[in-house]
Amino acid sequence: MRTKQAGRTFGAAAGLATLALVSPLVVNEAHAGCPSSSALIEAACNRVARVAEEGTWDLYLTGYGWHIDGYSADDRRHLNAQSWGGGAGKHFTDANGNEDILFAFVFMDSHNNPEPIGGWARQWYTPPVLGGLSIGGGYFAGFTARSDILHYLPVPLALPVASIRYAKASVMGAFIPRVPGVSKGDVAFFWARYEF
């Protein structure tokens, strides 16, 4: 049992180390000059560089993974919904109030194994009402690493994200669709963010 736990800890640490190594390389490449071979790649590169250089810090606390359709009641009893964890990131808010976000955090996955995740998100927000309440939506592109998928080898992700924000505090969520042969059903994953 100790060997298995040590393997989990090592795998999570390896995943985090990979994210930690990749992020500065992306930022340094963007800082040195973004490639102009594709307008889409150049725009994404410039956004990442702007967040890294001009963004302000965020703190993240993860908390809940809702196993939706495709999972039986028995499956849900054996799966961990309390996805506790945390991390940090940076965001840059443009003139229209929309955000580019870089972040990385670690949480306990559905099988109580550490899962690191990190990358870039783009969110568009409604104009604030009631002193600072707004709703956002967008997408996330990045990497995760799980013990049950290629034993912590980083895997690319692209997911829709949404948030409810009041002033500097947000509740965010992502929809993770079922992957045939990997998961039985869909998952909605929720976390909190505080902007400094």
N, C-alpha and C. Protein backbone atom coordinates (compact mmCIF):
# COMPACT_ATOMS: atom_id res chain seq x y z
N MET A 1 0.82 -1.20 0.00
CA MET A 1 0.00 0.00 0.00
C MET A 1 0.87 1.27 0.00
N ARG A 2 1.96 1.25 0.81
CA ARG A 2 2.85 2.41 0.84
C ARG A 2 3.51 2.63 -0.51
N THR A 3 3.86 1.53 -1.19
CA THR A 3 4.49 1.65 -2.51
C THR A 3 3.52 2.29 -3.49
N LYS A 4 2.23 1.88 -3.42
CA LYS A 4 1.23 2.44 -4.32
C LYS A 4 1.05 3.94 -4.05
N GLN A 5 0.98 4.32 -2.75
CA GLN A 5 0.83 5.73 -2.40
C GLN A 5 2.06 6.53 -2.83
N ALA A 6 3.25 5.95 -2.64
CA ALA A 6 4.47 6.63 -3.07
C ALA A 6 4.47 6.83 -4.58
N GLY A 7 3.97 5.82 -5.31
CA GLY A 7 3.86 5.94 -6.76
C GLY A 7 2.92 7.05 -7.16
N ARG A 8 1.79 7.17 -6.43
CA ARG A 8 0.83 8.25 -6.71
C ARG A 8 1.46 9.60 -6.47
N THR A 9 2.15 9.71 -5.31
CA THR A 9 2.79 10.99 -4.97
C THR A 9 3.86 11.35 -6.00
N PHE A 10 4.68 10.36 -6.38
CA PHE A 10 5.71 10.61 -7.39
C PHE A 10 5.08 11.01 -8.71
N GLY A 11 3.99 10.31 -9.11
CA GLY A 11 3.33 10.62 -10.38
C GLY A 11 2.78 12.03 -10.39
N ALA A 12 2.15 12.42 -9.27
CA ALA A 12 1.61 13.78 -9.18
C ALA A 12 2.74 14.79 -9.23
N ALA A 13 3.83 14.51 -8.51
CA ALA A 13 4.97 15.42 -8.53
C ALA A 13 5.56 15.53 -9.93
N ALA A 14 5.61 14.39 -10.64
CA ALA A 14 6.13 14.41 -12.01
C ALA A 14 5.24 15.25 -12.93
N GLY A 15 3.91 15.12 -12.74
CA GLY A 15 2.98 15.92 -13.53
C GLY A 15 3.15 17.40 -13.27
N LEU A 16 3.28 17.77 -11.98
CA LEU A 16 3.49 19.17 -11.63
C LEU A 16 4.81 19.69 -12.17
N ALA A 17 5.84 18.85 -12.08
CA ALA A 17 7.15 19.27 -12.59
C ALA A 17 7.08 19.53 -14.09
N THR A 18 6.34 18.68 -14.81
CA THR A 18 6.17 18.88 -16.25
C THR A 18 5.49 20.20 -16.53
N LEU A 19 4.39 20.49 -15.78
CA LEU A 19 3.69 21.76 -15.97
C LEU A 19 4.61 22.94 -15.63
N ALA A 20 5.38 22.79 -14.54
CA ALA A 20 6.28 23.86 -14.13
C ALA A 20 7.37 24.11 -15.18
N LEU A 21 7.82 23.04 -15.84
CA LEU A 21 8.85 23.19 -16.86
C LEU A 21 8.29 23.77 -18.16
N VAL A 22 7.09 23.36 -18.52
CA VAL A 22 6.50 23.79 -19.79
C VAL A 22 6.09 25.25 -19.74
N SER A 23 5.49 25.71 -18.62
CA SER A 23 4.99 27.08 -18.54
C SER A 23 6.04 28.14 -18.80
N PRO A 24 7.23 28.08 -18.14
CA PRO A 24 8.25 29.11 -18.45
C PRO A 24 8.73 29.04 -19.89
N LEU A 25 8.78 27.85 -20.47
CA LEU A 25 9.22 27.74 -21.86
C LEU A 25 8.25 28.45 -22.79
N VAL A 26 6.95 28.28 -22.53
CA VAL A 26 5.93 28.95 -23.34
C VAL A 26 6.05 30.45 -23.19
N VAL A 27 6.18 30.91 -21.94
CA VAL A 27 6.28 32.35 -21.69
C VAL A 27 7.55 32.92 -22.29
N ASN A 28 8.69 32.23 -22.11
CA ASN A 28 9.94 32.72 -22.67
C ASN A 28 9.89 32.78 -24.19
N GLU A 29 9.27 31.78 -24.82
CA GLU A 29 9.12 31.77 -26.27
C GLU A 29 8.27 32.95 -26.71
N ALA A 30 7.19 33.20 -25.96
CA ALA A 30 6.31 34.31 -26.31
C ALA A 30 7.04 35.64 -26.13
N HIS A 31 7.82 35.74 -25.06
CA HIS A 31 8.55 36.98 -24.79
C HIS A 31 9.60 37.25 -25.87
N ALA A 32 10.22 36.18 -26.36
CA ALA A 32 11.27 36.33 -27.37
C ALA A 32 10.71 36.74 -28.72
N GLY A 33 9.43 36.53 -28.93
CA GLY A 33 8.80 36.87 -30.19
C GLY A 33 7.91 35.74 -30.64
N CYS A 34 6.63 36.01 -30.74
CA CYS A 34 5.69 34.96 -31.10
C CYS A 34 5.81 34.62 -32.58
N PRO A 35 5.63 33.33 -32.92
CA PRO A 35 5.72 32.94 -34.34
C PRO A 35 4.61 33.59 -35.14
N SER A 36 4.92 33.99 -36.34
CA SER A 36 3.91 34.66 -37.17
C SER A 36 3.42 33.78 -38.31
N SER A 37 3.71 32.47 -38.25
CA SER A 37 3.28 31.57 -39.32
C SER A 37 1.77 31.38 -39.34
N SER A 38 1.13 31.55 -38.20
CA SER A 38 -0.32 31.41 -38.09
C SER A 38 -0.86 32.53 -37.21
N ALA A 39 -1.87 33.24 -37.68
CA ALA A 39 -2.45 34.34 -36.90
C ALA A 39 -3.04 33.83 -35.59
N LEU A 40 -3.64 32.63 -35.61
CA LEU A 40 -4.24 32.05 -34.41
C LEU A 40 -3.16 31.73 -33.36
N ILE A 41 -2.07 31.10 -33.79
CA ILE A 41 -0.99 30.76 -32.87
C ILE A 41 -0.32 32.02 -32.34
N GLU A 42 -0.12 32.99 -33.20
CA GLU A 42 0.51 34.24 -32.76
C GLU A 42 -0.36 34.97 -31.74
N ALA A 43 -1.68 35.00 -31.97
CA ALA A 43 -2.59 35.67 -31.04
C ALA A 43 -2.58 34.97 -29.68
N ALA A 44 -2.63 33.62 -29.68
CA ALA A 44 -2.60 32.86 -28.43
C ALA A 44 -1.29 33.08 -27.70
N CYS A 45 -0.20 33.08 -28.43
CA CYS A 45 1.13 33.30 -27.86
C CYS A 45 1.21 34.68 -27.20
N ASN A 46 0.71 35.69 -27.89
CA ASN A 46 0.73 37.05 -27.35
C ASN A 46 -0.11 37.16 -26.09
N ARG A 47 -1.26 36.48 -26.05
CA ARG A 47 -2.12 36.50 -24.88
C ARG A 47 -1.42 35.87 -23.67
N VAL A 48 -0.77 34.73 -23.89
CA VAL A 48 -0.06 34.04 -22.81
C VAL A 48 1.06 34.94 -22.28
N ALA A 49 1.81 35.55 -23.17
CA ALA A 49 2.91 36.44 -22.76
C ALA A 49 2.38 37.63 -21.97
N ARG A 50 1.25 38.20 -22.41
CA ARG A 50 0.69 39.36 -21.72
C ARG A 50 0.25 39.01 -20.31
N VAL A 51 -0.40 37.84 -20.14
CA VAL A 51 -0.81 37.41 -18.79
C VAL A 51 0.41 37.21 -17.91
N ALA A 52 1.43 36.54 -18.42
CA ALA A 52 2.63 36.25 -17.64
C ALA A 52 3.36 37.53 -17.22
N GLU A 53 3.41 38.50 -18.11
CA GLU A 53 4.18 39.71 -17.84
C GLU A 53 3.38 40.79 -17.12
N GLU A 54 2.09 40.94 -17.45
CA GLU A 54 1.30 42.06 -16.93
C GLU A 54 0.16 41.64 -16.01
N GLY A 55 -0.10 40.35 -15.90
CA GLY A 55 -1.23 39.88 -15.11
C GLY A 55 -1.03 40.00 -13.62
N THR A 56 -2.14 39.88 -12.89
CA THR A 56 -2.10 39.88 -11.43
C THR A 56 -2.43 38.47 -10.92
N TRP A 57 -2.02 38.19 -9.68
CA TRP A 57 -2.09 36.83 -9.13
C TRP A 57 -3.49 36.43 -8.68
N ASP A 58 -3.74 35.13 -8.74
CA ASP A 58 -4.98 34.52 -8.28
C ASP A 58 -4.66 33.34 -7.37
N LEU A 59 -5.58 33.03 -6.46
CA LEU A 59 -5.49 31.85 -5.61
C LEU A 59 -6.68 30.97 -5.92
N TYR A 60 -6.47 29.64 -6.03
CA TYR A 60 -7.52 28.70 -6.38
C TYR A 60 -7.74 27.68 -5.27
N LEU A 61 -9.00 27.32 -5.06
CA LEU A 61 -9.38 26.25 -4.14
C LEU A 61 -10.39 25.37 -4.87
N THR A 62 -10.03 24.10 -5.07
CA THR A 62 -10.95 23.18 -5.75
C THR A 62 -11.84 22.52 -4.72
N GLY A 63 -12.97 21.96 -5.19
CA GLY A 63 -13.87 21.42 -4.19
C GLY A 63 -14.86 20.36 -4.58
N TYR A 64 -15.35 20.31 -5.83
CA TYR A 64 -16.43 19.37 -6.10
C TYR A 64 -16.40 18.88 -7.54
N GLY A 65 -16.56 17.57 -7.70
CA GLY A 65 -16.69 16.95 -9.01
C GLY A 65 -18.02 16.21 -9.07
N TRP A 66 -18.96 16.73 -9.86
CA TRP A 66 -20.31 16.16 -9.95
C TRP A 66 -20.33 15.15 -11.09
N HIS A 67 -20.51 13.87 -10.75
CA HIS A 67 -20.57 12.79 -11.73
C HIS A 67 -22.00 12.70 -12.25
N ILE A 68 -22.19 13.13 -13.48
CA ILE A 68 -23.54 13.30 -14.04
C ILE A 68 -23.98 11.99 -14.70
N ASP A 69 -24.72 12.07 -15.79
CA ASP A 69 -25.26 10.89 -16.46
C ASP A 69 -24.17 9.93 -16.91
N GLY A 70 -24.53 8.65 -16.94
CA GLY A 70 -23.59 7.61 -17.32
C GLY A 70 -23.07 6.85 -16.11
N TYR A 71 -23.17 7.45 -14.94
CA TYR A 71 -22.73 6.80 -13.70
C TYR A 71 -23.95 6.29 -12.94
N SER A 72 -23.91 5.05 -12.50
CA SER A 72 -25.00 4.49 -11.70
C SER A 72 -24.88 5.00 -10.27
N ALA A 73 -25.94 4.77 -9.47
CA ALA A 73 -25.90 5.16 -8.06
C ALA A 73 -24.76 4.44 -7.35
N ASP A 74 -24.50 3.18 -7.72
CA ASP A 74 -23.40 2.42 -7.12
C ASP A 74 -22.05 3.02 -7.50
N ASP A 75 -21.91 3.42 -8.78
CA ASP A 75 -20.68 4.08 -9.22
C ASP A 75 -20.43 5.34 -8.39
N ARG A 76 -21.48 6.14 -8.20
CA ARG A 76 -21.33 7.41 -7.48
C ARG A 76 -20.92 7.18 -6.03
N ARG A 77 -21.39 6.08 -5.42
CA ARG A 77 -21.02 5.78 -4.04
C ARG A 77 -19.52 5.49 -3.91
N HIS A 78 -18.90 4.97 -4.96
CA HIS A 78 -17.49 4.61 -4.91
C HIS A 78 -16.56 5.67 -5.48
N LEU A 79 -17.13 6.71 -6.07
CA LEU A 79 -16.30 7.77 -6.66
C LEU A 79 -16.19 8.95 -5.70
N ASN A 80 -15.04 9.59 -5.69
CA ASN A 80 -14.80 10.75 -4.84
C ASN A 80 -15.37 12.01 -5.52
N ALA A 81 -16.33 12.64 -4.87
CA ALA A 81 -16.86 13.90 -5.38
C ALA A 81 -16.19 15.10 -4.73
N GLN A 82 -15.55 14.89 -3.58
CA GLN A 82 -14.89 15.97 -2.84
C GLN A 82 -13.48 16.17 -3.41
N SER A 83 -13.38 16.94 -4.43
CA SER A 83 -12.12 17.12 -5.18
C SER A 83 -11.26 18.22 -4.57
N TRP A 84 -10.89 18.05 -3.29
CA TRP A 84 -10.15 19.10 -2.60
C TRP A 84 -8.74 19.29 -3.17
N GLY A 85 -8.32 20.52 -3.22
CA GLY A 85 -6.99 20.86 -3.71
C GLY A 85 -6.86 22.36 -3.86
N GLY A 86 -5.80 22.80 -4.51
CA GLY A 86 -5.62 24.22 -4.70
C GLY A 86 -4.43 24.53 -5.59
N GLY A 87 -4.24 25.81 -5.84
CA GLY A 87 -3.14 26.23 -6.70
C GLY A 87 -3.14 27.74 -6.87
N ALA A 88 -2.44 28.18 -7.90
CA ALA A 88 -2.29 29.61 -8.14
C ALA A 88 -2.27 29.88 -9.63
N GLY A 89 -2.41 31.15 -9.98
CA GLY A 89 -2.37 31.55 -11.38
C GLY A 89 -2.29 33.05 -11.51
N LYS A 90 -2.39 33.53 -12.74
CA LYS A 90 -2.41 34.95 -13.03
C LYS A 90 -3.50 35.21 -14.07
N HIS A 91 -4.03 36.43 -14.04
CA HIS A 91 -5.02 36.81 -15.05
C HIS A 91 -4.73 38.22 -15.54
N PHE A 92 -5.18 38.48 -16.76
CA PHE A 92 -5.10 39.81 -17.35
C PHE A 92 -6.50 40.18 -17.83
N THR A 93 -6.99 41.33 -17.38
CA THR A 93 -8.32 41.81 -17.77
C THR A 93 -8.16 42.87 -18.85
N ASP A 94 -8.85 42.68 -19.99
CA ASP A 94 -8.73 43.65 -21.09
C ASP A 94 -9.68 44.82 -20.89
N ALA A 95 -9.68 45.74 -21.83
CA ALA A 95 -10.48 46.97 -21.72
C ALA A 95 -11.98 46.69 -21.67
N ASN A 96 -12.42 45.52 -22.18
CA ASN A 96 -13.85 45.17 -22.17
C ASN A 96 -14.25 44.37 -20.93
N GLY A 97 -13.31 44.13 -20.01
CA GLY A 97 -13.61 43.38 -18.81
C GLY A 97 -13.50 41.87 -18.97
N ASN A 98 -12.99 41.40 -20.10
CA ASN A 98 -12.81 39.97 -20.34
C ASN A 98 -11.41 39.55 -19.92
N GLU A 99 -11.21 38.25 -19.69
CA GLU A 99 -9.96 37.81 -19.09
C GLU A 99 -9.26 36.70 -19.85
N ASP A 100 -7.93 36.76 -19.80
CA ASP A 100 -7.06 35.64 -20.14
C ASP A 100 -6.47 35.19 -18.82
N ILE A 101 -6.43 33.87 -18.59
CA ILE A 101 -6.03 33.32 -17.30
C ILE A 101 -5.00 32.20 -17.52
N LEU A 102 -3.92 32.23 -16.76
CA LEU A 102 -2.96 31.13 -16.68
C LEU A 102 -3.07 30.56 -15.27
N PHE A 103 -3.18 29.24 -15.14
CA PHE A 103 -3.28 28.68 -13.80
C PHE A 103 -2.78 27.24 -13.76
N ALA A 104 -2.48 26.80 -12.54
CA ALA A 104 -2.11 25.40 -12.29
C ALA A 104 -2.57 25.06 -10.88
N PHE A 105 -3.20 23.91 -10.72
CA PHE A 105 -3.54 23.43 -9.39
C PHE A 105 -3.55 21.91 -9.37
N VAL A 106 -3.61 21.37 -8.15
CA VAL A 106 -3.66 19.92 -7.93
C VAL A 106 -4.87 19.64 -7.07
N PHE A 107 -5.61 18.58 -7.40
CA PHE A 107 -6.78 18.20 -6.62
C PHE A 107 -6.88 16.68 -6.56
N MET A 108 -7.73 16.19 -5.68
CA MET A 108 -7.97 14.75 -5.57
C MET A 108 -9.01 14.36 -6.61
N ASP A 109 -8.67 13.41 -7.50
CA ASP A 109 -9.58 13.03 -8.58
C ASP A 109 -10.67 12.07 -8.09
N SER A 110 -11.44 11.53 -8.99
CA SER A 110 -12.57 10.66 -8.66
C SER A 110 -12.17 9.39 -7.92
N HIS A 111 -10.89 9.02 -8.01
CA HIS A 111 -10.40 7.80 -7.36
C HIS A 111 -9.47 8.13 -6.19
N ASN A 112 -9.55 9.37 -5.69
CA ASN A 112 -8.72 9.84 -4.57
C ASN A 112 -7.23 9.84 -4.87
N ASN A 113 -6.87 10.07 -6.12
CA ASN A 113 -5.48 10.21 -6.52
C ASN A 113 -5.21 11.68 -6.86
N PRO A 114 -4.01 12.20 -6.58
CA PRO A 114 -3.71 13.58 -6.94
C PRO A 114 -3.72 13.76 -8.46
N GLU A 115 -4.36 14.84 -8.92
CA GLU A 115 -4.38 15.16 -10.34
C GLU A 115 -3.97 16.61 -10.56
N PRO A 116 -2.84 16.86 -11.21
CA PRO A 116 -2.47 18.23 -11.55
C PRO A 116 -3.15 18.65 -12.86
N ILE A 117 -3.42 19.94 -12.96
CA ILE A 117 -3.99 20.49 -14.19
C ILE A 117 -3.48 21.91 -14.34
N GLY A 118 -3.24 22.33 -15.55
CA GLY A 118 -2.78 23.70 -15.77
C GLY A 118 -2.91 24.09 -17.22
N GLY A 119 -2.95 25.39 -17.46
CA GLY A 119 -3.05 25.88 -18.83
C GLY A 119 -3.56 27.30 -18.89
N TRP A 120 -4.22 27.60 -20.00
CA TRP A 120 -4.69 28.95 -20.31
C TRP A 120 -6.21 28.90 -20.53
N ALA A 121 -6.91 29.90 -20.02
CA ALA A 121 -8.35 30.01 -20.23
C ALA A 121 -8.67 31.41 -20.74
N ARG A 122 -9.70 31.51 -21.55
CA ARG A 122 -10.21 32.79 -22.04
C ARG A 122 -11.67 32.86 -21.63
N GLN A 123 -12.05 33.96 -20.97
CA GLN A 123 -13.44 34.13 -20.55
C GLN A 123 -13.96 35.51 -20.93
N TRP A 124 -15.20 35.52 -21.42
CA TRP A 124 -15.92 36.76 -21.72
C TRP A 124 -16.97 36.93 -20.62
N TYR A 125 -17.13 38.17 -20.14
CA TYR A 125 -18.04 38.43 -19.02
C TYR A 125 -19.15 39.39 -19.41
N THR A 126 -20.28 39.23 -18.73
CA THR A 126 -21.36 40.20 -18.86
C THR A 126 -20.95 41.47 -18.11
N PRO A 127 -21.55 42.62 -18.46
CA PRO A 127 -21.27 43.82 -17.66
C PRO A 127 -21.71 43.59 -16.21
N PRO A 128 -20.93 44.06 -15.23
CA PRO A 128 -21.28 43.84 -13.83
C PRO A 128 -22.56 44.56 -13.42
N VAL A 129 -23.34 43.91 -12.55
CA VAL A 129 -24.55 44.50 -11.97
C VAL A 129 -24.50 44.29 -10.46
N LEU A 130 -25.37 44.95 -9.74
CA LEU A 130 -25.48 44.80 -8.28
C LEU A 130 -24.14 44.96 -7.55
N GLY A 131 -23.35 45.92 -7.99
CA GLY A 131 -22.10 46.21 -7.32
C GLY A 131 -20.93 45.32 -7.69
N GLY A 132 -21.05 44.50 -8.74
CA GLY A 132 -19.91 43.71 -9.16
C GLY A 132 -20.21 42.28 -9.58
N LEU A 133 -21.48 41.91 -9.71
CA LEU A 133 -21.86 40.55 -10.10
C LEU A 133 -21.85 40.40 -11.62
N SER A 134 -21.13 39.40 -12.13
CA SER A 134 -21.12 39.14 -13.57
C SER A 134 -21.00 37.65 -13.82
N ILE A 135 -21.39 37.25 -15.02
CA ILE A 135 -21.34 35.85 -15.44
C ILE A 135 -20.37 35.76 -16.61
N GLY A 136 -19.53 34.73 -16.59
CA GLY A 136 -18.54 34.56 -17.64
C GLY A 136 -18.63 33.20 -18.29
N GLY A 137 -18.13 33.12 -19.50
CA GLY A 137 -18.07 31.86 -20.21
C GLY A 137 -16.93 31.88 -21.20
N GLY A 138 -16.39 30.71 -21.50
CA GLY A 138 -15.28 30.64 -22.44
C GLY A 138 -14.74 29.24 -22.55
N TYR A 139 -13.41 29.13 -22.66
CA TYR A 139 -12.81 27.82 -22.86
C TYR A 139 -11.46 27.74 -22.16
N PHE A 140 -11.00 26.52 -21.97
CA PHE A 140 -9.72 26.23 -21.34
C PHE A 140 -8.93 25.31 -22.26
N ALA A 141 -7.64 25.55 -22.40
CA ALA A 141 -6.74 24.66 -23.14
C ALA A 141 -5.50 24.45 -22.28
N GLY A 142 -5.15 23.20 -22.04
CA GLY A 142 -4.00 22.93 -21.20
C GLY A 142 -3.70 21.45 -21.09
N PHE A 143 -3.16 21.07 -19.94
CA PHE A 143 -2.74 19.68 -19.71
C PHE A 143 -3.19 19.21 -18.35
N THR A 144 -3.42 17.92 -18.25
CA THR A 144 -3.63 17.26 -16.97
C THR A 144 -2.81 15.98 -16.97
N ALA A 145 -2.76 15.32 -15.82
CA ALA A 145 -2.06 14.04 -15.71
C ALA A 145 -2.76 13.23 -14.63
N ARG A 146 -3.13 11.99 -14.98
CA ARG A 146 -3.88 11.14 -14.04
C ARG A 146 -3.19 9.79 -13.90
N SER A 147 -3.37 9.19 -12.73
CA SER A 147 -2.76 7.88 -12.48
C SER A 147 -3.40 6.80 -13.35
N ASP A 148 -4.69 6.95 -13.67
CA ASP A 148 -5.39 5.91 -14.44
C ASP A 148 -5.37 6.15 -15.95
N ILE A 149 -4.74 7.22 -16.39
CA ILE A 149 -4.59 7.48 -17.82
C ILE A 149 -3.10 7.64 -18.11
N LEU A 150 -2.49 6.60 -18.64
CA LEU A 150 -1.07 6.60 -19.00
C LEU A 150 -0.15 6.90 -17.82
N HIS A 151 -0.58 6.56 -16.62
CA HIS A 151 0.18 6.71 -15.38
C HIS A 151 0.92 8.05 -15.28
N TYR A 152 0.15 9.12 -15.27
CA TYR A 152 0.64 10.49 -15.07
C TYR A 152 1.43 11.07 -16.24
N LEU A 153 1.28 10.51 -17.42
CA LEU A 153 1.85 11.17 -18.59
C LEU A 153 0.94 12.35 -18.93
N PRO A 154 1.46 13.57 -19.12
CA PRO A 154 0.60 14.72 -19.40
C PRO A 154 -0.27 14.50 -20.65
N VAL A 155 -1.55 14.86 -20.52
CA VAL A 155 -2.55 14.69 -21.58
C VAL A 155 -3.15 16.05 -21.89
N PRO A 156 -3.24 16.45 -23.17
CA PRO A 156 -3.84 17.75 -23.51
C PRO A 156 -5.35 17.74 -23.30
N LEU A 157 -5.89 18.91 -22.94
CA LEU A 157 -7.32 19.10 -22.72
C LEU A 157 -7.81 20.36 -23.41
N ALA A 158 -9.06 20.36 -23.82
CA ALA A 158 -9.75 21.57 -24.27
C ALA A 158 -11.18 21.44 -23.75
N LEU A 159 -11.59 22.35 -22.86
CA LEU A 159 -12.88 22.23 -22.18
C LEU A 159 -13.61 23.57 -22.15
N PRO A 160 -14.94 23.54 -22.15
CA PRO A 160 -15.70 24.78 -21.91
C PRO A 160 -15.66 25.13 -20.42
N VAL A 161 -15.57 26.41 -20.10
CA VAL A 161 -15.59 26.87 -18.71
C VAL A 161 -16.63 27.97 -18.55
N ALA A 162 -17.11 28.12 -17.33
CA ALA A 162 -18.07 29.19 -17.01
C ALA A 162 -17.80 29.65 -15.59
N SER A 163 -18.24 30.86 -15.27
CA SER A 163 -18.03 31.37 -13.92
C SER A 163 -19.10 32.36 -13.52
N ILE A 164 -19.25 32.49 -12.21
CA ILE A 164 -20.05 33.54 -11.60
C ILE A 164 -19.09 34.31 -10.72
N ARG A 165 -18.96 35.62 -10.98
CA ARG A 165 -17.96 36.44 -10.28
C ARG A 165 -18.66 37.57 -9.55
N TYR A 166 -18.21 37.81 -8.32
CA TYR A 166 -18.63 39.00 -7.59
C TYR A 166 -17.36 39.70 -7.11
N ALA A 167 -17.10 40.88 -7.64
CA ALA A 167 -15.88 41.64 -7.32
C ALA A 167 -14.66 40.79 -7.63
N LYS A 168 -13.90 40.35 -6.62
CA LYS A 168 -12.67 39.60 -6.86
C LYS A 168 -12.82 38.10 -6.62
N ALA A 169 -14.00 37.65 -6.23
CA ALA A 169 -14.22 36.23 -5.95
C ALA A 169 -15.08 35.60 -7.04
N SER A 170 -14.72 34.38 -7.44
CA SER A 170 -15.46 33.66 -8.49
C SER A 170 -15.67 32.21 -8.10
N VAL A 171 -16.78 31.66 -8.58
CA VAL A 171 -16.97 30.21 -8.59
C VAL A 171 -16.92 29.83 -10.06
N MET A 172 -16.02 28.91 -10.40
CA MET A 172 -15.81 28.53 -11.79
C MET A 172 -16.13 27.05 -11.97
N GLY A 173 -16.43 26.67 -13.20
CA GLY A 173 -16.72 25.27 -13.48
C GLY A 173 -16.35 24.91 -14.90
N ALA A 174 -16.08 23.62 -15.10
CA ALA A 174 -15.78 23.09 -16.42
C ALA A 174 -16.61 21.83 -16.63
N PHE A 175 -17.03 21.62 -17.87
CA PHE A 175 -17.76 20.40 -18.23
C PHE A 175 -16.77 19.45 -18.89
N ILE A 176 -16.67 18.23 -18.34
CA ILE A 176 -15.75 17.22 -18.85
C ILE A 176 -16.59 16.10 -19.45
N PRO A 177 -16.65 16.00 -20.77
CA PRO A 177 -17.49 14.98 -21.39
C PRO A 177 -16.90 13.58 -21.23
N ARG A 178 -17.77 12.60 -21.30
CA ARG A 178 -17.30 11.20 -21.21
C ARG A 178 -16.37 10.89 -22.37
N VAL A 179 -15.38 10.08 -22.09
CA VAL A 179 -14.42 9.63 -23.10
C VAL A 179 -14.57 8.11 -23.19
N PRO A 180 -15.07 7.58 -24.32
CA PRO A 180 -15.27 6.13 -24.44
C PRO A 180 -14.00 5.35 -24.11
N GLY A 181 -14.16 4.33 -23.27
CA GLY A 181 -13.03 3.51 -22.87
C GLY A 181 -12.23 4.07 -21.71
N VAL A 182 -12.53 5.33 -21.31
CA VAL A 182 -11.81 5.95 -20.20
C VAL A 182 -12.75 6.27 -19.05
N SER A 183 -13.91 6.88 -19.36
CA SER A 183 -14.87 7.26 -18.32
C SER A 183 -16.28 6.82 -18.72
N LYS A 184 -17.11 6.56 -17.70
CA LYS A 184 -18.47 6.09 -17.95
C LYS A 184 -19.45 7.22 -18.24
N GLY A 185 -19.15 8.39 -17.74
CA GLY A 185 -20.11 9.49 -17.89
C GLY A 185 -19.44 10.84 -17.88
N ASP A 186 -20.29 11.87 -17.89
CA ASP A 186 -19.84 13.26 -17.88
C ASP A 186 -19.59 13.72 -16.45
N VAL A 187 -18.72 14.72 -16.31
CA VAL A 187 -18.40 15.29 -15.00
C VAL A 187 -18.44 16.81 -15.11
N ALA A 188 -19.03 17.45 -14.11
CA ALA A 188 -18.95 18.90 -13.96
C ALA A 188 -18.02 19.15 -12.78
N PHE A 189 -16.96 19.90 -13.00
CA PHE A 189 -15.93 20.14 -11.99
C PHE A 189 -15.96 21.60 -11.58
N PHE A 190 -15.97 21.87 -10.26
CA PHE A 190 -16.12 23.23 -9.75
C PHE A 190 -14.94 23.62 -8.85
N TRP A 191 -14.55 24.91 -8.92
CA TRP A 191 -13.51 25.44 -8.07
C TRP A 191 -13.76 26.92 -7.82
N ALA A 192 -13.05 27.47 -6.82
CA ALA A 192 -13.18 28.89 -6.47
C ALA A 192 -11.89 29.61 -6.80
N ARG A 193 -12.02 30.90 -7.11
CA ARG A 193 -10.85 31.72 -7.43
C ARG A 193 -10.96 33.05 -6.70
N TYR A 194 -9.85 33.52 -6.16
CA TYR A 194 -9.80 34.86 -5.59
C TYR A 194 -8.70 35.65 -6.29
N GLU A 195 -9.04 36.83 -6.80
CA GLU A 195 -8.10 37.69 -7.53
C GLU A 195 -7.45 38.68 -6.59
N PHE A 196 -6.13 38.77 -6.63
CA PHE A 196 -5.42 39.74 -5.81
C PHE A 196 -5.17 41.02 -6.58
